[in-house]
Amino acid sequence: MTDTAMAATALGKRFGRRGGWALRDCTFRLPAGRVCAVVGPNGAGKSTLLSLAAGLLAPTEGTVAVLGTDPASARARVGYVAQDKPLYPQLTIEQTLRVGADLNPGRWDAATAERIVSAGDLDPRRKIRALSGGQRTRVALALALGKRPELLLLDEPMADLDPLARHDLMGTLMSQAAQHGTTIVMSSHVVAELEDSCDHLLLVGGGRVRLAGELDDLLDAHTRVSATTESADALPDLAPHTVVESRVTGRQFTALIRPAGPLADGWRSTTPSLEELVLSYLRNPEAASLTPAAPEEALA
């Protein structure tokens, strides 16, 4: 066992010799047992990052370790649900779960897989090709969780679910994490659906990791400040602090900062929400990133 679920050092992926970089210089460490949100706009590199962790892609540069080893060696202990949820359309749900059992001898949790399917009121005799997008998502999650993975990688898993099904399956995922210590890494561009469930954050923008760390630590490292002024020249000085974003609306000046010490008199301060934090960094790609130093844990 390892206390690190994923670790990347200077990780990069480029498609084709002359293609652009989907990811570049990504460094982070994800402790085991966390529920991690990978957030960012479409095309930011979230799917590429998860595919690298799943061993479906090879890095162009740098390294990624999964459960203390390389992704290929960890594959039996990793569950992965891709954005398009690829399943065999000619099989029934029952046959699909049987395949999952055959491919994971000694690890398969039939009760969990069947419970996820039955909670969606699905007939096990129905063929995959007859299912809606949300129903296929439920079967894909049943396959992934039935494997009883130590690390579960989910690429936009809730995108085609209605709000009730999303709430139900999110509860199932949280129960899995609590009961079995499963590390869950879940990408999304909808911050609101992750705020109440996740305790770790990877913010990806422009192919780079912009923020990485425990959610509470990242929020504590930032402050939203505001002041009322007749002109920008009359504002208290923010020079000692790292300014992520600043805005002026009428006479109201607001900024998201990483404080470097006490604030000057005249500033009102509040703790930002996760959505405010994420949007501020995404709106300002030149803002200084906040990520840990290169992980020291080497591949086993």
Protein backbone atom coordinates (compact mmCIF):
# COMPACT_ATOMS: atom_id res chain seq x y z
CA MET A 1 0.00 0.00 0.00
CA THR A 2 1.07 3.62 -0.55
CA ASP A 3 -0.15 6.89 0.91
CA THR A 4 -0.09 8.46 -2.56
CA ALA A 5 -2.82 7.66 -5.07
CA MET A 6 -1.38 9.71 -7.95
CA ALA A 7 1.78 11.72 -8.42
CA ALA A 8 2.96 13.62 -11.50
CA THR A 9 6.25 15.35 -12.11
CA ALA A 10 6.68 17.69 -15.10
CA LEU A 11 4.05 15.59 -16.89
CA GLY A 12 3.31 16.53 -20.49
CA LYS A 13 1.44 15.09 -23.45
CA ARG A 14 1.64 16.23 -27.06
CA PHE A 15 -0.32 14.62 -29.89
CA GLY A 16 1.77 14.23 -33.03
CA ARG A 17 5.25 15.58 -33.66
CA ARG A 18 3.92 18.99 -34.62
CA GLY A 19 0.73 18.90 -32.59
CA GLY A 20 -0.05 21.16 -29.67
CA TRP A 21 0.49 20.24 -26.05
CA ALA A 22 -2.65 18.91 -24.38
CA LEU A 23 -0.78 18.97 -21.05
CA ARG A 24 2.55 20.53 -20.12
CA ASP A 25 4.72 20.64 -17.03
CA CYS A 26 2.07 19.26 -14.65
CA THR A 27 3.28 18.50 -11.12
CA PHE A 28 1.06 17.42 -8.24
CA ARG A 29 0.55 14.75 -5.57
CA LEU A 30 -2.84 13.29 -4.61
CA PRO A 31 -2.90 11.53 -1.20
CA ALA A 32 -4.77 8.24 -1.02
CA GLY A 33 -8.33 8.21 0.28
CA ARG A 34 -9.30 11.59 -1.14
CA VAL A 35 -12.20 12.60 -3.35
CA CYS A 36 -10.54 14.86 -5.89
CA ALA A 37 -12.22 17.25 -8.32
CA VAL A 38 -10.41 17.89 -11.59
CA VAL A 39 -12.00 21.08 -12.88
CA GLY A 40 -11.47 23.32 -15.86
CA PRO A 41 -13.09 24.39 -19.12
CA ASN A 42 -13.66 22.07 -22.06
CA GLY A 43 -10.37 21.36 -23.83
CA ALA A 44 -8.27 22.17 -20.76
CA GLY A 45 -6.60 18.75 -20.64
CA LYS A 46 -8.73 17.00 -18.00
CA SER A 47 -9.50 13.93 -20.13
CA THR A 48 -5.87 13.65 -21.22
CA LEU A 49 -4.73 13.69 -17.60
CA LEU A 50 -7.11 10.90 -16.64
CA SER A 51 -6.16 8.84 -19.70
CA LEU A 52 -2.49 9.13 -18.73
CA ALA A 53 -3.30 7.99 -15.19
CA ALA A 54 -5.32 5.07 -16.55
CA GLY A 55 -2.39 3.97 -18.72
CA LEU A 56 -4.31 4.53 -21.97
CA LEU A 57 -1.84 7.18 -23.11
CA ALA A 58 1.94 7.40 -22.67
CA PRO A 59 3.48 10.71 -21.53
CA THR A 60 5.50 12.73 -24.00
CA GLU A 61 7.58 14.04 -21.12
CA GLY A 62 7.70 13.71 -17.35
CA THR A 63 6.21 10.93 -15.26
CA VAL A 64 2.94 9.88 -13.64
CA ALA A 65 2.75 7.28 -10.87
CA VAL A 66 -0.45 5.53 -9.78
CA LEU A 67 -0.71 3.72 -6.43
CA GLY A 68 3.06 3.78 -6.11
CA THR A 69 3.85 2.28 -9.49
CA ASP A 70 3.40 2.95 -13.20
CA PRO A 71 -0.17 3.04 -14.58
CA ALA A 72 0.17 -0.23 -16.53
CA SER A 73 1.25 -2.15 -13.43
CA ALA A 74 -1.58 -0.65 -11.36
CA ARG A 75 -4.34 -1.36 -13.90
CA ALA A 76 -5.94 -4.21 -11.93
CA ARG A 77 -6.45 -1.86 -8.97
CA VAL A 78 -7.80 1.09 -10.97
CA GLY A 79 -11.32 1.70 -12.24
CA TYR A 80 -11.85 4.08 -15.15
CA VAL A 81 -15.03 5.44 -16.70
CA ALA A 82 -14.36 7.37 -19.91
CA GLN A 83 -16.49 10.29 -21.01
CA ASP A 84 -18.17 8.28 -23.79
CA LYS A 85 -18.75 5.22 -21.50
CA PRO A 86 -17.74 2.56 -24.08
CA LEU A 87 -19.71 -0.66 -23.58
CA TYR A 88 -20.49 -3.61 -25.86
CA PRO A 89 -23.87 -2.61 -27.39
CA GLN A 90 -24.87 -6.18 -28.31
CA LEU A 91 -24.61 -7.45 -24.72
CA THR A 92 -27.33 -7.27 -22.10
CA ILE A 93 -26.75 -5.58 -18.75
CA GLU A 94 -26.56 -8.99 -17.11
CA GLN A 95 -23.97 -10.21 -19.63
CA THR A 96 -21.98 -7.00 -19.19
CA LEU A 97 -21.72 -7.52 -15.44
CA ARG A 98 -20.76 -11.15 -16.03
CA VAL A 99 -17.89 -9.95 -18.23
CA GLY A 100 -16.83 -7.65 -15.40
CA ALA A 101 -16.78 -10.60 -13.02
CA ASP A 102 -14.77 -12.75 -15.46
CA LEU A 103 -12.19 -9.99 -16.01
CA ASN A 104 -11.72 -9.32 -12.29
CA PRO A 105 -11.47 -12.71 -10.56
CA GLY A 106 -11.01 -12.46 -6.84
CA ARG A 107 -11.92 -8.76 -6.79
CA TRP A 108 -15.43 -8.62 -8.21
CA ASP A 109 -18.13 -7.26 -5.90
CA ALA A 110 -21.32 -8.56 -7.52
CA ALA A 111 -23.59 -7.15 -4.80
CA THR A 112 -22.36 -3.58 -5.35
CA ALA A 113 -22.63 -3.80 -9.15
CA GLU A 114 -26.12 -5.27 -9.03
CA ARG A 115 -27.27 -2.73 -6.46
CA ILE A 116 -26.21 0.20 -8.66
CA VAL A 117 -28.06 -1.28 -11.65
CA SER A 118 -31.22 -2.11 -9.70
CA ALA A 119 -31.31 1.38 -8.16
CA GLY A 120 -31.86 2.69 -11.68
CA ASP A 121 -34.83 0.35 -12.15
CA LEU A 122 -33.08 -1.35 -15.08
CA ASP A 123 -34.04 -4.75 -16.46
CA PRO A 124 -30.84 -6.88 -16.50
CA ARG A 125 -32.09 -8.50 -19.75
CA ARG A 126 -32.04 -5.21 -21.68
CA LYS A 127 -29.31 -4.75 -24.25
CA ILE A 128 -26.84 -1.92 -23.84
CA ARG A 129 -27.80 -0.45 -27.23
CA ALA A 130 -31.38 0.05 -25.97
CA LEU A 131 -30.30 2.17 -22.99
CA SER A 132 -30.35 5.94 -22.71
CA GLY A 133 -27.13 7.86 -22.09
CA GLY A 134 -27.87 8.14 -18.39
CA GLN A 135 -28.65 4.44 -18.12
CA ARG A 136 -25.39 3.53 -19.84
CA THR A 137 -23.61 5.76 -17.33
CA ARG A 138 -25.16 3.76 -14.50
CA VAL A 139 -24.01 0.45 -16.02
CA ALA A 140 -20.49 1.84 -16.60
CA LEU A 141 -20.29 2.95 -12.97
CA ALA A 142 -21.57 -0.46 -11.84
CA LEU A 143 -18.73 -2.08 -13.79
CA ALA A 144 -16.13 0.29 -12.36
CA LEU A 145 -17.30 -0.01 -8.74
CA GLY A 146 -17.87 -3.76 -9.00
CA LYS A 147 -14.14 -4.05 -9.61
CA ARG A 148 -13.65 -2.69 -6.07
CA PRO A 149 -10.87 -0.34 -7.22
CA GLU A 150 -8.39 1.39 -4.96
CA LEU A 151 -8.41 4.34 -7.37
CA LEU A 152 -11.48 5.33 -9.41
CA LEU A 153 -11.01 7.70 -12.37
CA LEU A 154 -14.21 9.30 -13.67
CA ASP A 155 -14.26 11.57 -16.73
CA GLU A 156 -17.35 13.81 -16.64
CA PRO A 157 -19.39 10.95 -15.15
CA MET A 158 -22.59 12.88 -14.42
CA ALA A 159 -22.89 14.88 -17.65
CA ASP A 160 -25.86 12.93 -19.06
CA LEU A 161 -27.73 12.25 -15.80
CA ASP A 162 -30.81 14.04 -14.54
CA PRO A 163 -30.46 15.85 -11.17
CA LEU A 164 -32.08 13.03 -9.15
CA ALA A 165 -29.88 10.32 -10.69
CA ARG A 166 -26.82 12.55 -10.26
CA HIS A 167 -27.57 12.98 -6.56
CA ASP A 168 -28.17 9.24 -6.14
CA LEU A 169 -24.96 8.16 -7.85
CA MET A 170 -22.89 10.84 -6.12
CA GLY A 171 -24.13 9.39 -2.83
CA THR A 172 -23.05 5.93 -4.01
CA LEU A 173 -19.58 7.22 -4.83
CA MET A 174 -19.22 8.94 -1.46
CA SER A 175 -20.32 5.74 0.29
CA GLN A 176 -17.69 3.79 -1.65
CA ALA A 177 -15.00 6.23 -0.62
CA ALA A 178 -16.05 6.13 3.03
CA GLN A 179 -16.49 2.34 3.33
CA HIS A 180 -13.49 1.14 1.36
CA GLY A 181 -11.08 4.08 1.38
CA THR A 182 -11.36 4.39 -2.39
CA THR A 183 -9.60 7.38 -3.91
CA ILE A 184 -11.92 9.03 -6.43
CA VAL A 185 -10.70 11.44 -9.11
CA MET A 186 -13.59 13.02 -10.94
CA SER A 187 -13.37 15.57 -13.74
CA SER A 188 -16.04 18.13 -14.43
CA HIS A 189 -16.52 21.64 -15.75
CA VAL A 190 -19.53 22.10 -13.43
CA VAL A 191 -18.02 23.26 -10.14
CA ALA A 192 -21.33 23.31 -8.25
CA GLU A 193 -21.79 19.52 -8.50
CA LEU A 194 -18.42 18.89 -6.82
CA GLU A 195 -18.25 21.52 -4.09
CA ASP A 196 -20.06 19.52 -1.41
CA SER A 197 -18.41 16.18 -2.20
CA CYS A 198 -14.72 16.75 -2.88
CA ASP A 199 -11.89 17.49 -0.47
CA HIS A 200 -9.04 17.89 -2.96
CA LEU A 201 -8.75 20.06 -6.08
CA LEU A 202 -6.83 20.00 -9.33
CA LEU A 203 -7.61 23.04 -11.47
CA VAL A 204 -6.46 22.56 -15.06
CA GLY A 205 -6.36 25.41 -17.53
CA GLY A 206 -4.55 25.78 -20.82
CA GLY A 207 -2.97 22.34 -20.44
CA ARG A 208 -1.37 23.17 -17.08
CA VAL A 209 -2.23 22.53 -13.46
CA ARG A 210 -3.07 25.97 -12.03
CA LEU A 211 -4.09 24.90 -8.52
CA ALA A 212 -3.44 21.65 -6.66
CA GLY A 213 -4.03 20.72 -3.05
CA GLU A 214 -6.50 20.14 -0.24
CA LEU A 215 -9.61 22.20 -0.91
CA ASP A 216 -9.69 23.78 2.55
CA ASP A 217 -6.00 24.70 2.32
CA LEU A 218 -6.48 26.34 -1.07
CA LEU A 219 -9.47 28.34 0.12
CA ASP A 220 -7.59 29.40 3.28
CA ALA A 221 -4.67 30.57 1.12
CA HIS A 222 -6.91 33.08 -0.69
CA THR A 223 -8.93 36.07 0.43
CA ARG A 224 -11.50 38.17 -1.37
CA VAL A 225 -11.00 41.82 -0.49
CA SER A 226 -13.11 44.85 -1.29
CA ALA A 227 -13.05 48.58 -0.80
CA THR A 228 -15.13 51.57 -1.80
CA THR A 229 -13.26 54.42 -3.41
CA GLU A 230 -13.70 57.43 -5.64
CA SER A 231 -10.62 56.50 -7.70
CA ALA A 232 -8.15 53.65 -8.04
CA ASP A 233 -5.37 55.97 -6.83
CA ALA A 234 -7.07 56.20 -3.43
CA LEU A 235 -7.09 52.44 -2.83
CA PRO A 236 -4.97 50.92 -0.04
CA ASP A 237 -1.84 49.22 -1.33
CA LEU A 238 -2.05 45.55 -2.42
CA ALA A 239 1.57 45.41 -3.56
CA PRO A 240 2.82 42.87 -0.96
CA HIS A 241 0.15 40.37 -1.96
CA THR A 242 -0.34 38.15 -5.01
CA VAL A 243 -3.36 39.48 -6.92
CA VAL A 244 -5.18 36.73 -8.83
CA GLU A 245 -8.01 38.92 -10.14
CA SER A 246 -9.28 42.45 -9.59
CA ARG A 247 -12.44 44.21 -10.71
CA VAL A 248 -14.03 47.64 -10.46
CA THR A 249 -17.80 48.03 -10.45
CA GLY A 250 -18.84 51.62 -9.98
CA ARG A 251 -17.15 52.72 -6.76
CA GLN A 252 -16.63 49.15 -5.57
CA PHE A 253 -13.21 47.54 -6.03
CA THR A 254 -12.86 43.79 -5.39
CA ALA A 255 -9.91 41.45 -5.73
CA LEU A 256 -8.99 37.85 -5.06
CA ILE A 257 -5.55 37.70 -3.50
CA ARG A 258 -3.08 35.34 -1.86
CA PRO A 259 -2.12 37.36 1.21
CA ALA A 260 1.56 37.78 2.01
CA GLY A 261 0.86 39.25 5.44
CA PRO A 262 -1.63 41.54 7.19
CA LEU A 263 -3.95 43.62 5.01
CA ALA A 264 -3.66 47.40 5.01
CA ASP A 265 -6.40 49.37 6.73
CA GLY A 266 -9.39 50.02 4.51
CA TRP A 267 -9.86 46.53 3.10
CA ARG A 268 -12.85 44.34 3.91
CA SER A 269 -12.06 40.62 3.57
CA THR A 270 -14.11 37.44 3.11
CA THR A 271 -13.32 33.80 2.33
CA PRO A 272 -14.00 32.96 -1.34
CA SER A 273 -16.24 30.12 -2.44
CA LEU A 274 -14.86 27.29 -4.55
CA GLU A 275 -16.62 28.68 -7.61
CA GLU A 276 -15.17 32.16 -7.04
CA LEU A 277 -11.70 30.66 -6.66
CA VAL A 278 -11.94 28.56 -9.82
CA LEU A 279 -13.46 31.29 -11.99
CA SER A 280 -10.89 33.86 -10.90
CA TYR A 281 -8.01 31.66 -12.01
CA LEU A 282 -9.70 30.64 -15.27
CA ARG A 283 -10.48 34.26 -16.18
CA ASN A 284 -6.86 35.22 -15.57
CA PRO A 285 -4.54 32.65 -17.17
CA GLU A 286 -1.48 34.78 -16.33
CA ALA A 287 -2.15 34.62 -12.59
CA ALA A 288 0.58 32.78 -10.69
CA SER A 289 -0.25 29.11 -10.12
CA LEU A 290 -0.32 27.51 -6.69
CA THR A 291 0.94 23.93 -6.87
CA PRO A 292 3.19 21.79 -4.68
CA ALA A 293 6.83 21.07 -5.31
CA ALA A 294 7.71 18.00 -7.34
CA PRO A 295 6.64 14.81 -5.53
CA GLU A 296 9.50 12.97 -3.87
CA GLU A 297 7.89 9.55 -4.07
CA ALA A 298 9.47 7.53 -6.87
CA LEU A 299 7.91 4.69 -8.81
CA ALA A 300 7.93 1.45 -6.86
